[in-house]
N, C-alpha and C. Protein backbone atom coordinates (compact mmCIF):
# COMPACT_ATOMS: atom_id res chain seq x y z
N MET A 1 0.74 -1.43 0.25
CA MET A 1 -0.28 0.01 0.05
C MET A 1 0.84 1.23 0.05
N ARG A 2 0.62 2.51 -1.16
CA ARG A 2 1.44 3.42 -1.11
C ARG A 2 0.34 4.14 -0.71
N PHE A 3 1.12 5.35 0.63
CA PHE A 3 0.14 6.23 1.20
C PHE A 3 0.86 7.52 0.70
N PHE A 4 2.09 7.57 0.01
CA PHE A 4 2.89 8.80 -0.28
C PHE A 4 2.74 8.84 -1.81
N PRO A 5 2.10 9.19 -2.62
CA PRO A 5 2.28 9.46 -4.19
C PRO A 5 3.11 10.54 -4.28
N PHE A 6 3.86 10.77 -3.67
CA PHE A 6 5.07 11.71 -4.20
C PHE A 6 6.74 11.15 -3.83
N SER A 7 7.60 11.62 -3.96
CA SER A 7 9.17 10.98 -3.42
C SER A 7 8.78 11.31 -2.21
N LEU A 8 9.90 10.68 -1.55
CA LEU A 8 10.22 11.06 0.16
C LEU A 8 11.63 11.94 0.19
N GLN A 9 12.01 12.08 -1.25
CA GLN A 9 13.46 13.02 -1.74
C GLN A 9 12.64 14.37 -1.75
N VAL A 10 11.47 15.13 -1.31
CA VAL A 10 11.09 16.43 -1.78
C VAL A 10 11.60 16.69 -0.08
N PHE A 11 11.20 15.76 0.65
CA PHE A 11 11.64 16.00 2.19
C PHE A 11 13.18 15.97 2.59
N ARG A 12 13.70 15.16 2.43
CA ARG A 12 14.65 14.27 2.47
C ARG A 12 16.24 15.34 1.93
N ARG A 13 15.88 16.09 0.97
CA ARG A 13 16.99 17.03 0.51
C ARG A 13 17.47 17.97 2.08
N GLY A 14 16.27 18.61 2.41
CA GLY A 14 16.76 19.59 3.36
C GLY A 14 17.94 20.63 2.84
N MET A 15 17.83 22.00 3.05
CA MET A 15 18.19 23.07 2.15
C MET A 15 19.10 23.67 3.39
N SER A 16 20.48 24.45 3.33
CA SER A 16 20.86 24.62 4.42
C SER A 16 20.32 26.16 4.68
N GLY A 17 20.55 26.73 5.95
CA GLY A 17 20.29 27.94 5.98
C GLY A 17 18.81 28.04 7.26
N ASP A 18 18.83 28.92 7.74
CA ASP A 18 17.68 28.83 8.96
C ASP A 18 16.21 29.55 8.56
N SER A 19 15.18 29.52 8.34
CA SER A 19 14.15 30.20 8.13
C SER A 19 13.43 30.24 8.89
N THR A 20 12.56 31.64 9.35
CA THR A 20 11.86 31.75 10.53
C THR A 20 10.12 30.88 9.33
N SER A 21 10.63 31.01 8.07
CA SER A 21 9.18 31.03 7.44
C SER A 21 8.64 29.42 7.42
N ARG A 22 7.10 29.17 7.96
CA ARG A 22 6.76 28.02 7.98
C ARG A 22 5.82 27.18 6.73
N PRO A 23 5.97 26.54 6.43
CA PRO A 23 4.85 26.07 5.55
C PRO A 23 3.24 26.01 6.17
N THR A 24 2.68 26.50 6.03
CA THR A 24 1.78 26.25 6.64
C THR A 24 0.56 24.66 6.38
N ILE A 25 1.33 24.58 4.97
CA ILE A 25 0.80 22.81 4.89
C ILE A 25 1.12 21.73 5.72
N LEU A 26 2.51 22.05 6.33
CA LEU A 26 2.98 21.24 7.01
C LEU A 26 2.99 21.63 8.52
N PHE A 27 2.87 23.07 9.15
CA PHE A 27 2.79 23.46 10.50
C PHE A 27 1.69 24.64 10.39
N PRO A 28 0.16 23.79 10.46
CA PRO A 28 -0.78 24.98 10.78
C PRO A 28 -0.99 25.23 12.08
N GLU A 29 -2.34 26.31 12.18
CA GLU A 29 -2.38 26.57 13.12
C GLU A 29 -3.66 25.67 13.85
N VAL A 30 -3.99 25.29 13.44
CA VAL A 30 -5.30 24.60 13.78
C VAL A 30 -4.93 22.82 13.19
N GLU A 31 -5.72 21.95 13.40
CA GLU A 31 -5.53 20.66 12.98
C GLU A 31 -5.87 20.32 11.30
N TYR A 32 -5.42 19.96 10.54
CA TYR A 32 -5.54 20.02 9.51
C TYR A 32 -5.40 18.87 8.88
N VAL A 33 -7.00 18.54 7.99
CA VAL A 33 -7.39 17.36 7.71
C VAL A 33 -7.58 17.14 5.90
N ALA A 34 -6.91 16.73 5.55
CA ALA A 34 -6.99 16.49 3.94
C ALA A 34 -6.86 14.55 2.94
N PRO A 35 -7.66 14.65 1.90
CA PRO A 35 -6.92 13.50 1.18
C PRO A 35 -5.47 13.84 0.62
N VAL A 36 -5.37 12.71 0.79
CA VAL A 36 -4.00 12.85 1.09
C VAL A 36 -2.89 13.19 -0.30
N GLY A 37 -3.82 12.95 -1.57
CA GLY A 37 -3.78 13.42 -2.85
C GLY A 37 -3.76 15.08 -3.18
N ASP A 38 -4.49 15.94 -2.09
CA ASP A 38 -4.67 16.71 -2.16
C ASP A 38 -3.53 17.78 -1.57
N TRP A 39 -3.49 16.96 -0.39
CA TRP A 39 -2.35 17.47 0.07
C TRP A 39 -0.84 17.61 0.00
N ALA A 40 -0.99 16.00 -0.55
CA ALA A 40 1.16 16.33 -1.68
C ALA A 40 0.74 17.09 -2.46
N HIS A 41 -0.05 17.14 -3.43
CA HIS A 41 0.01 18.68 -3.97
C HIS A 41 0.38 19.83 -3.94
N ARG A 42 -0.53 20.33 -2.85
CA ARG A 42 0.04 21.53 -2.36
C ARG A 42 1.25 21.55 -1.32
N VAL A 43 1.56 20.59 -0.96
CA VAL A 43 2.96 20.62 -0.56
C VAL A 43 4.37 20.53 -1.24
N GLN A 44 4.07 19.95 -2.27
CA GLN A 44 4.74 19.49 -3.55
C GLN A 44 5.15 21.19 -4.29
N ALA A 45 3.85 22.14 -4.25
CA ALA A 45 3.99 23.34 -4.83
C ALA A 45 4.27 24.33 -4.09
N HIS A 46 4.75 24.11 -2.72
CA HIS A 46 5.40 25.27 -1.82
C HIS A 46 6.60 25.01 -2.00
N PRO A 47 7.46 26.20 -1.91
CA PRO A 47 8.95 26.06 -1.86
C PRO A 47 9.43 25.83 -0.40
N ASP A 48 8.59 26.44 0.35
CA ASP A 48 9.45 26.26 1.52
C ASP A 48 9.28 24.72 2.47
N SER A 49 8.53 23.88 1.46
CA SER A 49 8.86 22.66 2.03
C SER A 49 9.77 21.64 2.17
N LEU A 50 10.78 22.32 0.89
CA LEU A 50 11.96 21.66 0.31
C LEU A 50 12.87 21.95 1.61
N ARG A 51 12.80 22.31 2.72
CA ARG A 51 13.55 23.09 3.56
C ARG A 51 13.01 22.05 4.85
N CYS A 52 12.15 21.22 4.48
CA CYS A 52 11.67 20.32 5.88
C CYS A 52 12.38 19.03 5.59
N ARG A 53 12.53 18.27 6.58
CA ARG A 53 12.90 16.83 6.48
C ARG A 53 12.54 16.29 7.37
N ILE A 54 11.91 15.07 6.66
CA ILE A 54 11.21 13.79 7.56
C ILE A 54 12.34 13.21 8.50
N ARG A 55 12.13 13.08 9.71
CA ARG A 55 12.95 12.81 10.75
C ARG A 55 12.67 11.18 10.94
N LYS A 56 11.06 11.01 11.10
CA LYS A 56 11.17 9.11 11.23
C LYS A 56 9.45 8.96 10.81
N ILE A 57 9.29 7.74 10.18
CA ILE A 57 8.18 7.51 10.40
C ILE A 57 7.87 5.99 10.90
N VAL A 58 6.63 6.07 11.59
CA VAL A 58 6.31 5.05 12.66
C VAL A 58 5.01 4.58 12.29
N HIS A 59 5.07 3.36 11.75
CA HIS A 59 4.22 2.49 11.54
C HIS A 59 3.16 1.82 12.83
N CYS A 60 1.92 2.16 13.00
CA CYS A 60 1.07 2.10 14.27
C CYS A 60 -0.07 1.00 14.17
N LYS A 61 -0.56 0.61 15.00
CA LYS A 61 -1.96 -0.21 15.12
C LYS A 61 -2.74 0.26 16.46
N SER A 62 -3.93 0.47 16.21
CA SER A 62 -4.77 0.95 17.11
C SER A 62 -5.02 0.00 17.89
N LYS A 63 -5.07 -0.07 19.18
CA LYS A 63 -5.58 -0.86 20.35
C LYS A 63 -7.03 -1.38 20.65
N SER A 64 -8.03 -0.32 19.96
CA SER A 64 -9.28 -0.35 20.17
C SER A 64 -10.19 -1.07 19.00
N SER A 65 -8.99 -0.54 17.85
CA SER A 65 -9.93 -1.67 16.33
C SER A 65 -8.59 -2.59 15.83
N SER A 66 -8.71 -3.57 15.80
CA SER A 66 -8.26 -4.46 15.26
C SER A 66 -7.75 -4.58 13.81
N ASN A 67 -8.25 -3.39 13.36
CA ASN A 67 -8.05 -3.68 11.81
C ASN A 67 -7.44 -2.22 11.54
N HIS A 68 -7.53 -1.21 12.47
CA HIS A 68 -6.88 0.01 12.07
C HIS A 68 -5.07 0.48 12.26
N GLU A 69 -4.56 0.67 11.24
CA GLU A 69 -3.48 1.06 11.16
C GLU A 69 -3.31 2.22 10.19
N PHE A 70 -1.56 3.06 10.98
CA PHE A 70 -1.55 4.05 10.44
C PHE A 70 -0.24 4.21 10.30
N LEU A 71 0.40 5.67 9.65
CA LEU A 71 1.69 5.99 10.07
C LEU A 71 1.85 7.34 10.61
N LEU A 72 2.81 7.47 11.47
CA LEU A 72 2.59 8.56 12.12
C LEU A 72 4.27 9.74 11.42
N VAL A 73 3.97 10.08 10.63
CA VAL A 73 4.88 10.61 9.93
C VAL A 73 5.85 12.24 10.88
N HIS A 74 7.12 12.16 10.84
CA HIS A 74 7.34 13.26 12.02
C HIS A 74 8.61 14.06 10.95
N VAL A 75 8.26 15.43 11.16
CA VAL A 75 8.82 16.47 9.99
C VAL A 75 9.69 17.61 11.14
N ARG A 76 10.50 17.95 10.60
CA ARG A 76 11.32 19.06 10.81
C ARG A 76 11.91 20.19 10.17
N GLN A 77 11.95 21.22 10.42
CA GLN A 77 12.24 22.53 9.47
C GLN A 77 13.60 22.78 10.30
N PRO A 78 14.62 23.28 9.09
CA PRO A 78 16.10 23.83 10.01
C PRO A 78 15.71 24.55 11.09
N SER A 79 14.52 25.57 11.65
CA SER A 79 14.63 26.07 12.50
C SER A 79 14.23 24.96 13.69
N ARG A 80 14.14 23.86 13.61
CA ARG A 80 13.44 22.86 14.81
C ARG A 80 12.36 22.57 14.79
N THR A 81 11.51 23.42 14.58
CA THR A 81 9.76 23.19 14.53
C THR A 81 9.64 22.06 13.90
N LYS A 82 8.39 21.43 14.75
CA LYS A 82 8.29 20.01 14.35
C LYS A 82 6.78 19.91 14.09
N ALA A 83 7.04 19.02 13.08
CA ALA A 83 5.24 18.88 12.54
C ALA A 83 4.70 17.06 12.75
N VAL A 84 3.50 16.86 13.33
CA VAL A 84 3.46 15.48 13.11
C VAL A 84 2.08 15.23 12.27
N LEU A 85 2.58 14.27 11.35
CA LEU A 85 1.37 14.03 10.23
C LEU A 85 0.78 12.62 10.38
N LEU A 86 -0.51 12.23 10.82
CA LEU A 86 -0.72 10.90 10.64
C LEU A 86 -1.76 10.83 9.50
N VAL A 87 -1.17 9.65 8.84
CA VAL A 87 -1.69 9.14 7.55
C VAL A 87 -2.21 8.10 7.42
N GLU A 88 -3.98 7.93 6.89
CA GLU A 88 -4.53 6.66 7.66
C GLU A 88 -5.80 6.74 6.30
N ARG A 89 -5.92 5.26 6.15
CA ARG A 89 -6.73 4.70 5.37
C ARG A 89 -8.38 4.82 5.94
N VAL A 90 -9.46 5.59 5.54
CA VAL A 90 -10.78 5.45 5.98
C VAL A 90 -11.67 5.26 4.95
N ALA A 91 -12.58 4.60 5.68
CA ALA A 91 -13.97 4.35 4.77
C ALA A 91 -14.50 5.84 4.25
N SER A 92 -14.85 5.75 3.23
CA SER A 92 -15.01 7.17 2.64
C SER A 92 -16.62 7.48 3.04
N PHE A 93 -17.87 6.56 3.08
CA PHE A 93 -18.83 7.24 4.11
C PHE A 93 -19.20 6.40 5.26
N THR A 94 -19.61 7.38 6.13
CA THR A 94 -19.85 7.19 7.44
C THR A 94 -21.32 6.05 7.10
N ASP A 95 -21.76 5.19 8.47
CA ASP A 95 -22.85 4.54 8.13
C ASP A 95 -24.07 5.32 7.79
N SER A 96 -23.95 6.53 8.49
CA SER A 96 -25.58 7.39 7.35
C SER A 96 -25.22 7.97 6.13
N ASP A 97 -24.31 8.15 5.95
CA ASP A 97 -24.20 8.20 4.42
C ASP A 97 -24.32 7.08 3.76
N SER A 98 -23.98 5.71 4.24
CA SER A 98 -24.25 4.45 3.06
C SER A 98 -25.69 4.06 3.41
N SER A 99 -26.16 4.58 4.45
CA SER A 99 -27.61 4.20 4.83
C SER A 99 -28.76 5.36 4.15
N SER A 100 -28.27 6.54 3.10
CA SER A 100 -28.67 7.15 2.65
C SER A 100 -29.01 6.96 1.61
N ILE A 101 -28.15 6.39 0.70
CA ILE A 101 -27.82 5.75 -0.32
C ILE A 101 -29.40 5.04 -0.84
N LEU A 102 -29.48 3.87 0.07
CA LEU A 102 -30.55 3.08 -0.07
C LEU A 102 -31.34 3.65 0.81
N SER A 103 -31.95 4.96 0.68
CA SER A 103 -33.22 5.27 1.77
C SER A 103 -34.21 4.67 0.91
N ASP A 104 -35.79 4.63 1.78
CA ASP A 104 -37.28 4.28 0.86
C ASP A 104 -37.57 5.42 0.20
N ASP A 105 -37.06 6.60 0.07
CA ASP A 105 -37.92 7.89 -0.44
C ASP A 105 -36.86 8.34 -1.83
N ASP A 106 -36.02 6.96 -1.97
CA ASP A 106 -34.88 7.36 -3.12
C ASP A 106 -36.01 7.15 -4.56
N SER A 107 -35.80 7.75 -5.55
CA SER A 107 -36.21 8.29 -6.80
C SER A 107 -36.47 6.78 -7.41
N SER A 108 -35.36 6.16 -7.44
CA SER A 108 -35.60 4.74 -8.19
C SER A 108 -36.20 3.88 -7.65
N TYR A 109 -36.86 3.63 -6.73
CA TYR A 109 -37.55 2.86 -5.84
C TYR A 109 -39.03 2.75 -6.31
N ASP A 110 -39.23 1.51 -6.39
CA ASP A 110 -40.39 1.16 -7.18
C ASP A 110 -41.27 0.24 -5.95
N GLN A 111 -42.71 0.91 -5.09
CA GLN A 111 -42.74 -0.02 -4.36
C GLN A 111 -43.66 -1.13 -5.04
N HIS A 112 -43.74 -1.48 -6.06
CA HIS A 112 -44.19 -2.35 -6.34
C HIS A 112 -43.31 -3.61 -6.59
N THR A 113 -42.03 -2.98 -6.31
CA THR A 113 -40.86 -4.37 -6.29
C THR A 113 -40.31 -4.72 -5.18
N HIS A 114 -39.41 -5.68 -5.14
CA HIS A 114 -39.20 -5.82 -3.63
C HIS A 114 -37.31 -5.22 -3.96
N ILE A 115 -37.11 -4.71 -4.94
CA ILE A 115 -35.66 -4.56 -5.13
C ILE A 115 -35.08 -3.58 -3.69
N ASN A 116 -35.68 -2.65 -3.46
CA ASN A 116 -35.35 -1.70 -2.64
C ASN A 116 -35.05 -2.80 -0.98
N PRO A 117 -35.81 -3.33 -0.51
CA PRO A 117 -35.56 -4.12 0.56
C PRO A 117 -34.56 -5.31 0.51
N VAL A 118 -34.03 -5.41 -0.58
CA VAL A 118 -33.14 -6.58 -1.14
C VAL A 118 -31.74 -5.48 -1.09
N LEU A 119 -31.65 -4.62 -2.22
CA LEU A 119 -30.35 -3.56 -1.67
C LEU A 119 -30.11 -3.23 -0.08
N ALA A 120 -30.91 -2.84 0.24
CA ALA A 120 -30.79 -2.49 1.79
C ALA A 120 -30.20 -3.49 2.40
N SER A 121 -30.39 -5.20 2.19
CA SER A 121 -30.10 -6.04 3.50
C SER A 121 -28.58 -6.24 2.83
N ILE A 122 -28.12 -5.43 1.44
CA ILE A 122 -26.62 -6.60 1.18
C ILE A 122 -25.61 -5.04 1.60
N SER A 123 -24.78 -5.99 1.73
CA SER A 123 -23.29 -4.68 2.48
C SER A 123 -22.87 -4.04 1.38
N VAL A 124 -23.08 -3.08 1.06
CA VAL A 124 -22.47 -2.43 -0.15
C VAL A 124 -20.70 -2.08 0.28
N SER A 125 -19.98 -2.48 -0.59
CA SER A 125 -19.26 -2.13 -0.64
C SER A 125 -18.38 -1.03 -1.25
N LEU A 126 -18.11 0.10 -0.15
CA LEU A 126 -17.58 1.50 -0.74
C LEU A 126 -16.05 1.46 -0.87
N PRO A 127 -15.48 2.57 -1.57
CA PRO A 127 -14.11 2.73 -1.57
C PRO A 127 -13.40 3.65 -0.08
N ALA A 128 -12.19 2.79 -0.54
CA ALA A 128 -12.00 3.52 0.94
C ALA A 128 -10.91 4.83 0.69
N ARG A 129 -10.37 5.52 1.37
CA ARG A 129 -9.92 6.98 1.06
C ARG A 129 -8.28 6.93 1.99
N ASP A 130 -7.34 7.66 1.62
CA ASP A 130 -6.35 7.89 2.72
C ASP A 130 -6.25 9.72 2.84
N ARG A 131 -6.39 9.40 3.67
CA ARG A 131 -6.51 11.29 4.56
C ARG A 131 -5.27 11.42 5.34
N VAL A 132 -4.70 12.23 5.28
CA VAL A 132 -3.34 13.09 6.19
C VAL A 132 -4.25 14.06 7.35
N ARG A 133 -3.60 14.03 8.49
CA ARG A 133 -4.12 14.60 9.38
C ARG A 133 -2.77 15.13 10.08
N ILE A 134 -3.04 16.82 10.26
CA ILE A 134 -1.58 17.49 10.84
C ILE A 134 -1.99 18.01 12.12
N SER A 135 -1.26 17.81 12.98
CA SER A 135 -1.23 18.14 14.26
C SER A 135 -0.92 19.57 14.35
N HIS A 136 -1.70 20.21 15.40
CA HIS A 136 -1.57 21.93 15.36
C HIS A 136 -0.15 22.44 16.23
N ASP A 137 0.04 20.92 17.11
CA ASP A 137 0.80 21.45 18.00
C ASP A 137 2.42 20.80 18.24
N GLY A 138 2.42 19.93 16.91
CA GLY A 138 3.20 19.24 16.49
C GLY A 138 3.65 18.03 18.06
N THR A 139 2.75 17.36 18.32
CA THR A 139 2.67 16.19 18.92
C THR A 139 1.93 15.59 18.55
N THR A 140 1.87 14.08 18.82
CA THR A 140 1.31 12.55 18.40
C THR A 140 -0.40 12.94 19.28
N SER A 141 0.46 13.20 20.38
CA SER A 141 -1.07 13.28 21.41
C SER A 141 -2.52 14.13 20.94
N SER A 142 -2.25 14.81 20.03
CA SER A 142 -3.25 15.31 19.83
C SER A 142 -3.98 15.13 18.11
N LEU A 143 -3.33 13.93 17.80
CA LEU A 143 -4.01 13.24 16.65
C LEU A 143 -4.48 11.55 17.01
N ALA A 144 -3.93 11.32 17.95
CA ALA A 144 -4.22 9.87 18.64
C ALA A 144 -5.46 9.93 19.34
N SER A 145 -6.29 10.22 18.81
CA SER A 145 -7.50 10.04 19.94
C SER A 145 -7.54 8.66 21.17
N GLN A 146 -7.30 7.51 20.54
CA GLN A 146 -7.23 6.29 20.88
C GLN A 146 -6.14 5.77 20.88
N PRO A 147 -5.99 4.73 22.17
CA PRO A 147 -4.49 4.03 22.12
C PRO A 147 -4.02 2.96 20.97
N PHE A 148 -2.65 3.60 20.96
CA PHE A 148 -2.32 2.46 19.83
C PHE A 148 -0.74 2.29 20.13
N VAL A 149 -0.37 1.01 19.31
CA VAL A 149 1.03 0.76 19.91
C VAL A 149 1.82 0.89 18.60
N LYS A 150 3.03 1.04 18.58
CA LYS A 150 3.82 1.19 17.70
C LYS A 150 4.60 0.19 16.86
N LEU A 151 4.39 -0.40 15.72
CA LEU A 151 4.91 -1.69 15.52
C LEU A 151 6.38 -1.47 14.66
N HIS A 152 6.46 -0.33 13.84
CA HIS A 152 7.64 -0.46 13.45
C HIS A 152 8.28 1.25 13.21
N THR A 153 9.56 1.32 13.03
CA THR A 153 9.63 2.72 13.14
C THR A 153 11.13 2.96 12.25
N LEU A 154 10.87 3.95 11.40
CA LEU A 154 12.13 4.10 10.50
C LEU A 154 12.43 5.44 10.98
N SER A 155 13.59 5.24 10.85
CA SER A 155 14.22 6.72 11.17
C SER A 155 15.11 7.04 10.08
N PHE A 156 15.45 8.40 9.96
CA PHE A 156 16.42 9.22 9.03
C PHE A 156 17.56 9.47 9.62
N PRO A 157 18.80 9.51 8.98
CA PRO A 157 19.93 10.24 9.72
C PRO A 157 19.70 11.95 9.76
N LYS A 158 20.12 12.62 10.56
CA LYS A 158 20.09 13.91 10.28
C LYS A 158 20.95 14.74 9.21
N SER A 159 21.91 13.84 8.88
CA SER A 159 22.76 14.50 7.77
C SER A 159 21.86 14.02 6.12
N SER A 160 20.82 13.36 6.35
CA SER A 160 19.77 13.32 4.79
C SER A 160 19.52 14.48 4.84
């Protein structure tokens, strides 16, 4: 599974010099949530993102949901400001959204047939989507609402 549709080299290159400019796409004032593709496009287009480096990527598993795994990506800019990104795959619709797709008031529903009740009983497979959430305060505690365990950590050397 490939969460990042862009090269990690964008972050690993790093540029010399200390800048007070913080790309808000990586260092938001409030929690930022977006589809990974949209976020990747914005971060690649921001010139100050080139100064930021990935310090480590942590593969995590939720303790409360055996099927939920996610990545914590720790990023730092030359001024030592830190950002934490949570990258996860989520269902594209909530239960209430999926039930509204098959509601009784659907214009395609014909009360003389039994199609709608049959469809309502079938489990509809909806596509998942990848999203990124960025901490407003540079910590994992503001992103992880449920307890989790760290499965693997990939650390990058300071010189990269």
